[in-house]
N, C-alpha and C. Protein backbone atom coordinates (compact mmCIF):
# COMPACT_ATOMS: atom_id res chain seq x y z
N MET A 1 110.02 95.28 109.10
CA MET A 1 108.68 94.92 109.50
C MET A 1 108.79 94.30 110.93
N HIS A 2 107.89 94.65 111.86
CA HIS A 2 107.80 94.08 113.12
C HIS A 2 106.45 93.42 113.30
N VAL A 3 106.39 92.24 113.85
CA VAL A 3 105.21 91.49 113.94
C VAL A 3 105.10 90.91 115.37
N ALA A 4 103.92 91.00 115.98
CA ALA A 4 103.53 90.30 117.16
C ALA A 4 102.26 89.53 116.83
N ALA A 5 102.29 88.17 117.04
CA ALA A 5 101.17 87.35 116.53
C ALA A 5 100.78 86.37 117.65
N LEU A 6 99.51 85.91 117.55
CA LEU A 6 98.96 84.81 118.34
C LEU A 6 98.35 83.90 117.30
N VAL A 7 98.92 82.70 117.18
CA VAL A 7 98.44 81.70 116.25
C VAL A 7 98.01 80.54 117.01
N LYS A 8 96.80 80.04 116.84
CA LYS A 8 96.24 78.96 117.67
C LYS A 8 95.58 77.92 116.88
N SER A 9 95.51 76.75 117.51
CA SER A 9 94.69 75.63 116.93
C SER A 9 93.50 75.41 117.79
N TYR A 10 92.36 75.44 117.26
CA TYR A 10 91.11 75.17 118.09
C TYR A 10 90.44 73.96 117.47
N GLY A 11 90.49 72.80 118.13
CA GLY A 11 89.78 71.62 117.75
C GLY A 11 90.40 70.92 116.51
N THR A 12 91.62 71.23 116.14
CA THR A 12 92.31 70.63 114.97
C THR A 12 93.78 70.41 115.33
N SER A 13 94.45 69.71 114.44
CA SER A 13 95.86 69.48 114.61
C SER A 13 96.65 70.55 113.86
N PHE A 14 96.05 71.49 113.20
CA PHE A 14 96.65 72.58 112.50
C PHE A 14 96.18 73.97 112.96
N GLU A 15 96.94 74.95 112.73
CA GLU A 15 96.51 76.33 113.09
C GLU A 15 95.32 76.73 112.33
N ASN A 16 94.36 77.37 112.98
CA ASN A 16 93.16 77.81 112.35
C ASN A 16 92.64 79.18 112.87
N ALA A 17 93.49 79.81 113.65
CA ALA A 17 93.08 81.17 114.14
C ALA A 17 94.41 82.01 114.17
N PHE A 18 94.35 83.16 113.52
CA PHE A 18 95.58 84.00 113.35
C PHE A 18 95.19 85.43 113.77
N ASN A 19 95.98 85.93 114.66
CA ASN A 19 95.73 87.33 115.11
C ASN A 19 97.16 87.97 115.12
N ALA A 20 97.25 89.06 114.39
CA ALA A 20 98.61 89.66 114.33
C ALA A 20 98.54 91.20 114.35
N PHE A 21 99.58 91.79 114.89
CA PHE A 21 99.75 93.25 114.84
C PHE A 21 101.04 93.44 114.12
N VAL A 22 100.95 94.27 113.05
CA VAL A 22 102.15 94.39 112.16
C VAL A 22 102.50 95.82 112.01
N GLU A 23 103.74 96.18 112.20
CA GLU A 23 104.27 97.56 111.80
C GLU A 23 105.14 97.34 110.51
N PHE A 24 104.73 97.93 109.42
CA PHE A 24 105.42 97.89 108.20
C PHE A 24 106.60 98.86 108.10
N GLU A 25 107.54 98.62 107.22
CA GLU A 25 108.66 99.49 107.02
C GLU A 25 108.31 100.92 106.76
N SER A 26 107.09 101.09 106.08
CA SER A 26 106.62 102.42 105.73
C SER A 26 106.09 103.17 106.91
N GLY A 27 105.90 102.48 108.08
CA GLY A 27 105.29 103.10 109.26
C GLY A 27 103.84 102.84 109.39
N ALA A 28 103.24 102.17 108.33
CA ALA A 28 101.83 101.78 108.48
C ALA A 28 101.64 100.66 109.43
N THR A 29 100.52 100.62 110.02
CA THR A 29 100.19 99.57 111.01
C THR A 29 99.05 98.67 110.47
N GLY A 30 99.14 97.34 110.64
CA GLY A 30 98.10 96.50 110.21
C GLY A 30 97.72 95.61 111.37
N VAL A 31 96.40 95.26 111.44
CA VAL A 31 95.89 94.33 112.39
C VAL A 31 95.16 93.24 111.60
N LEU A 32 95.49 92.00 111.84
CA LEU A 32 94.91 90.85 111.17
C LEU A 32 94.19 89.99 112.20
N LEU A 33 92.92 89.77 111.94
CA LEU A 33 92.12 88.81 112.69
C LEU A 33 91.51 87.85 111.68
N ALA A 34 92.02 86.67 111.62
CA ALA A 34 91.50 85.68 110.78
C ALA A 34 91.27 84.37 111.54
N ASN A 35 90.08 83.81 111.40
CA ASN A 35 89.75 82.71 112.16
C ASN A 35 88.86 81.74 111.30
N TRP A 36 89.23 80.54 111.23
CA TRP A 36 88.54 79.57 110.39
C TRP A 36 87.67 78.61 111.20
N VAL A 37 87.38 79.02 112.42
CA VAL A 37 86.60 78.17 113.36
C VAL A 37 85.22 78.72 113.53
N THR A 38 84.99 79.97 113.12
CA THR A 38 83.75 80.71 113.37
C THR A 38 82.52 80.05 112.70
N GLY A 39 81.40 80.63 112.99
CA GLY A 39 80.11 80.12 112.48
C GLY A 39 79.79 80.39 111.06
N THR A 40 80.52 81.35 110.53
CA THR A 40 80.25 81.77 109.09
C THR A 40 81.59 82.37 108.51
N ARG A 41 81.60 82.47 107.18
CA ARG A 41 82.72 83.12 106.56
C ARG A 41 82.41 84.46 106.08
N THR A 42 83.13 85.51 106.53
CA THR A 42 82.89 86.80 106.14
C THR A 42 84.22 87.42 105.78
N HIS A 43 84.23 88.33 104.86
CA HIS A 43 85.43 89.02 104.59
C HIS A 43 85.18 90.51 104.71
N THR A 44 85.67 91.10 105.79
CA THR A 44 85.53 92.57 105.94
C THR A 44 86.82 93.14 106.27
N TRP A 45 86.98 94.42 105.87
CA TRP A 45 88.22 95.10 106.08
C TRP A 45 87.88 96.51 106.62
N GLU A 46 88.79 96.99 107.37
CA GLU A 46 88.73 98.42 107.77
C GLU A 46 90.08 99.06 107.39
N LEU A 47 90.05 100.20 106.71
CA LEU A 47 91.29 100.85 106.29
C LEU A 47 91.17 102.29 106.75
N HIS A 48 92.22 102.78 107.45
CA HIS A 48 92.20 104.16 108.05
C HIS A 48 93.44 104.88 107.62
N GLY A 49 93.31 106.14 107.23
CA GLY A 49 94.37 107.01 106.98
C GLY A 49 94.04 108.45 107.38
N ALA A 50 94.98 109.37 107.19
CA ALA A 50 94.73 110.79 107.63
C ALA A 50 93.49 111.27 106.82
N GLY A 51 92.40 111.57 107.58
CA GLY A 51 91.23 112.13 106.89
C GLY A 51 90.35 111.14 106.18
N ILE A 52 90.55 109.89 106.29
CA ILE A 52 89.73 108.97 105.50
C ILE A 52 89.65 107.60 106.21
N SER A 53 88.49 106.95 106.13
CA SER A 53 88.22 105.62 106.70
C SER A 53 87.38 104.84 105.69
N ALA A 54 87.68 103.66 105.47
CA ALA A 54 86.87 102.81 104.59
C ALA A 54 86.49 101.51 105.33
N PHE A 55 85.21 101.13 105.20
CA PHE A 55 84.70 99.98 105.86
C PHE A 55 84.16 99.07 104.70
N VAL A 56 84.80 97.93 104.46
CA VAL A 56 84.46 97.14 103.23
C VAL A 56 83.90 95.83 103.74
N ASP A 57 82.73 95.49 103.19
CA ASP A 57 82.14 94.13 103.31
C ASP A 57 82.13 93.54 101.90
N ALA A 58 83.02 92.59 101.63
CA ALA A 58 83.18 92.11 100.29
C ALA A 58 81.95 91.56 99.65
N ASP A 59 80.99 91.03 100.44
CA ASP A 59 79.72 90.59 99.91
C ASP A 59 78.77 91.65 99.52
N ARG A 60 78.89 92.81 100.04
CA ARG A 60 77.85 93.81 99.91
C ARG A 60 78.31 95.17 99.36
N GLU A 61 79.14 95.88 100.16
CA GLU A 61 79.37 97.27 99.81
C GLU A 61 80.65 97.76 100.57
N ALA A 62 81.16 98.91 100.10
CA ALA A 62 82.13 99.67 100.76
C ALA A 62 81.61 101.05 101.21
N ARG A 63 81.94 101.48 102.36
CA ARG A 63 81.55 102.79 102.84
C ARG A 63 82.79 103.59 103.14
N VAL A 64 82.97 104.72 102.51
CA VAL A 64 84.14 105.55 102.67
C VAL A 64 83.79 106.87 103.22
N PHE A 65 84.35 107.17 104.41
CA PHE A 65 84.11 108.45 105.13
C PHE A 65 85.38 109.32 104.91
N THR A 66 85.18 110.58 104.63
CA THR A 66 86.31 111.46 104.47
C THR A 66 86.06 112.78 105.29
N ASP A 67 87.12 113.34 105.81
CA ASP A 67 87.14 114.63 106.53
C ASP A 67 86.15 114.65 107.62
N ASN A 68 86.01 113.53 108.37
CA ASN A 68 85.15 113.47 109.57
C ASN A 68 83.69 113.56 109.21
N GLY A 69 83.35 113.36 107.95
CA GLY A 69 81.99 113.39 107.55
C GLY A 69 81.10 112.27 108.17
N ARG A 70 79.80 112.56 108.25
CA ARG A 70 78.89 111.60 108.84
C ARG A 70 78.29 110.79 107.72
N GLU A 71 78.24 111.19 106.49
CA GLU A 71 77.67 110.47 105.43
C GLU A 71 78.76 109.91 104.51
N PRO A 72 78.79 108.58 104.38
CA PRO A 72 79.85 107.98 103.55
C PRO A 72 79.47 107.96 102.09
N ALA A 73 80.55 107.87 101.26
CA ALA A 73 80.29 107.48 99.85
C ALA A 73 80.15 105.97 99.92
N VAL A 74 79.14 105.47 99.25
CA VAL A 74 78.86 104.04 99.22
C VAL A 74 78.93 103.50 97.84
N ARG A 75 79.68 102.39 97.67
CA ARG A 75 79.78 101.60 96.48
C ARG A 75 79.38 100.18 96.69
N THR A 76 78.40 99.70 95.96
CA THR A 76 78.07 98.29 96.16
C THR A 76 79.00 97.40 95.36
N ALA A 77 79.12 96.13 95.75
CA ALA A 77 79.94 95.16 95.01
C ALA A 77 79.50 95.04 93.57
N ALA A 78 78.19 95.10 93.24
CA ALA A 78 77.66 95.09 91.94
C ALA A 78 78.12 96.34 91.06
N GLU A 79 78.17 97.44 91.75
CA GLU A 79 78.60 98.69 91.00
C GLU A 79 80.06 98.57 90.65
N VAL A 80 80.89 98.10 91.59
CA VAL A 80 82.31 98.00 91.35
C VAL A 80 82.61 96.95 90.25
N ALA A 81 81.87 95.85 90.28
CA ALA A 81 82.16 94.77 89.33
C ALA A 81 81.37 95.04 88.03
N ASN A 82 80.49 96.04 87.97
CA ASN A 82 79.62 96.18 86.75
C ASN A 82 78.79 95.00 86.44
N SER A 83 78.39 94.28 87.47
CA SER A 83 77.59 93.06 87.37
C SER A 83 77.06 92.69 88.69
N ASP A 84 75.91 92.04 88.71
CA ASP A 84 75.39 91.53 89.99
C ASP A 84 75.58 89.99 90.11
N ALA A 85 76.33 89.41 89.14
CA ALA A 85 76.56 87.99 89.15
C ALA A 85 77.65 87.71 90.19
N GLN A 86 77.40 86.75 91.08
CA GLN A 86 78.29 86.43 92.16
C GLN A 86 79.74 86.15 91.70
N HIS A 87 79.91 85.41 90.62
CA HIS A 87 81.20 85.14 90.15
C HIS A 87 81.98 86.38 89.69
N HIS A 88 81.27 87.53 89.57
CA HIS A 88 81.90 88.85 89.27
C HIS A 88 82.11 89.61 90.56
N THR A 89 81.07 89.57 91.48
CA THR A 89 81.08 90.39 92.63
C THR A 89 81.92 89.81 93.76
N TYR A 90 81.97 88.52 93.83
CA TYR A 90 82.68 87.90 94.93
C TYR A 90 83.62 86.78 94.40
N SER A 91 84.60 87.24 93.67
CA SER A 91 85.55 86.29 93.17
C SER A 91 86.73 87.06 92.66
N PHE A 92 87.62 86.49 91.89
CA PHE A 92 88.72 87.14 91.28
C PHE A 92 88.57 87.31 89.79
N PHE A 93 87.32 87.55 89.40
CA PHE A 93 86.98 87.62 87.94
C PHE A 93 87.77 88.86 87.32
N GLY A 94 87.70 90.02 88.01
CA GLY A 94 88.39 91.17 87.39
C GLY A 94 89.90 91.03 87.46
N GLU A 95 90.45 90.41 88.54
CA GLU A 95 91.90 90.24 88.57
C GLU A 95 92.34 89.24 87.54
N SER A 96 91.58 88.18 87.36
CA SER A 96 91.87 87.13 86.34
C SER A 96 91.83 87.82 84.96
N ARG A 97 90.77 88.55 84.64
CA ARG A 97 90.66 89.21 83.36
C ARG A 97 91.85 90.14 83.10
N HIS A 98 92.22 90.95 84.12
CA HIS A 98 93.35 91.86 84.05
C HIS A 98 94.66 91.09 83.75
N PHE A 99 94.84 90.02 84.46
CA PHE A 99 96.05 89.12 84.29
C PHE A 99 96.16 88.64 82.83
N ILE A 100 95.07 88.12 82.34
CA ILE A 100 95.00 87.56 80.93
C ILE A 100 95.25 88.66 79.98
N ASN A 101 94.64 89.81 80.07
CA ASN A 101 94.89 90.99 79.25
C ASN A 101 96.40 91.39 79.25
N CYS A 102 97.01 91.35 80.45
CA CYS A 102 98.46 91.68 80.52
C CYS A 102 99.30 90.75 79.87
N ILE A 103 98.98 89.43 79.90
CA ILE A 103 99.77 88.38 79.27
C ILE A 103 99.63 88.59 77.75
N ARG A 104 98.43 88.86 77.32
CA ARG A 104 98.21 89.06 75.91
C ARG A 104 98.97 90.24 75.32
N SER A 105 99.09 91.31 76.10
CA SER A 105 99.76 92.50 75.65
C SER A 105 101.18 92.65 76.20
N ASP A 106 101.71 91.69 76.78
CA ASP A 106 103.09 91.64 77.27
C ASP A 106 103.38 92.77 78.31
N ARG A 107 102.41 92.98 79.18
CA ARG A 107 102.50 93.97 80.26
C ARG A 107 102.61 93.33 81.62
N THR A 108 103.16 93.97 82.60
CA THR A 108 103.22 93.44 84.02
C THR A 108 101.93 93.71 84.64
N PRO A 109 101.33 92.72 85.24
CA PRO A 109 100.02 92.97 85.96
C PRO A 109 100.21 93.88 87.22
N ILE A 110 99.17 94.56 87.59
CA ILE A 110 99.25 95.42 88.77
C ILE A 110 99.77 94.56 89.96
N THR A 111 99.25 93.40 90.16
CA THR A 111 99.80 92.49 91.20
C THR A 111 100.41 91.29 90.51
N HIS A 112 101.52 90.86 91.01
CA HIS A 112 102.25 89.79 90.38
C HIS A 112 103.00 88.95 91.43
N PHE A 113 103.77 88.01 90.95
CA PHE A 113 104.49 87.13 91.92
C PHE A 113 105.42 87.79 92.89
N GLY A 114 105.93 88.99 92.55
CA GLY A 114 106.68 89.77 93.47
C GLY A 114 105.85 90.08 94.75
N ASP A 115 104.58 90.42 94.54
CA ASP A 115 103.65 90.74 95.65
C ASP A 115 103.40 89.40 96.36
N ALA A 116 103.28 88.34 95.76
CA ALA A 116 103.04 87.05 96.43
C ALA A 116 104.23 86.68 97.33
N VAL A 117 105.40 87.04 96.99
CA VAL A 117 106.60 86.83 97.76
C VAL A 117 106.46 87.61 99.03
N LYS A 118 106.06 88.89 98.92
CA LYS A 118 105.87 89.71 100.14
C LYS A 118 104.79 89.16 101.07
N THR A 119 103.74 88.68 100.42
CA THR A 119 102.63 88.06 101.25
C THR A 119 103.21 86.81 102.01
N MET A 120 104.01 86.04 101.32
CA MET A 120 104.52 84.85 102.06
C MET A 120 105.51 85.26 103.10
N GLU A 121 106.30 86.28 102.89
CA GLU A 121 107.16 86.81 103.95
C GLU A 121 106.35 87.25 105.12
N LEU A 122 105.25 87.91 104.91
CA LEU A 122 104.38 88.34 106.01
C LEU A 122 103.84 87.15 106.74
N ILE A 123 103.44 86.12 105.99
CA ILE A 123 102.93 84.84 106.61
C ILE A 123 103.99 84.19 107.47
N ASP A 124 105.20 84.14 106.96
CA ASP A 124 106.26 83.59 107.70
C ASP A 124 106.57 84.41 108.98
N ALA A 125 106.49 85.73 108.88
CA ALA A 125 106.70 86.56 110.03
C ALA A 125 105.67 86.31 111.14
N ILE A 126 104.44 86.17 110.65
CA ILE A 126 103.27 85.91 111.61
C ILE A 126 103.56 84.67 112.28
N ASN A 127 103.78 83.62 111.54
CA ASN A 127 104.01 82.25 112.09
C ASN A 127 105.29 82.26 112.98
N GLY A 128 106.29 83.04 112.68
CA GLY A 128 107.51 83.03 113.44
C GLY A 128 107.51 84.04 114.61
N SER A 129 106.39 84.75 114.75
CA SER A 129 106.36 85.75 115.84
C SER A 129 105.22 85.43 116.86
N ASP A 130 104.90 84.20 117.00
CA ASP A 130 103.78 83.73 117.86
C ASP A 130 104.17 84.04 119.28
N ILE A 131 103.40 84.81 120.00
CA ILE A 131 103.61 85.14 121.36
C ILE A 131 102.94 84.12 122.37
N GLY A 132 102.21 83.20 121.74
CA GLY A 132 101.51 82.29 122.59
C GLY A 132 102.27 81.14 123.10
């Protein structure tokens, strides 16, 4: 993994703005823009691959474009969660339910502590690759 990052502190004694360009071992590229100083909290993602792009706004909907199409497939947060309750649409309700079901049936969850280790390794790489 190769990382170039700019980690800054704005008005605080701790880092609160994180910008990183990451090349993963798979060849995939990631761009992270995370800022805890802004005027509001939003969670949006863009994902791009050969022939497909997804634009996700966690509060509202996901728009998926395929094969250079002009009309996206749209799924709302309520559709994906099968509920319009905010604790289902904007939380970890589904992941928590999956985890509990896996524990009950002695199965490994889709995401697990091994994934958390990889996340922490990425965070360490971002913090250790500050170009600022």
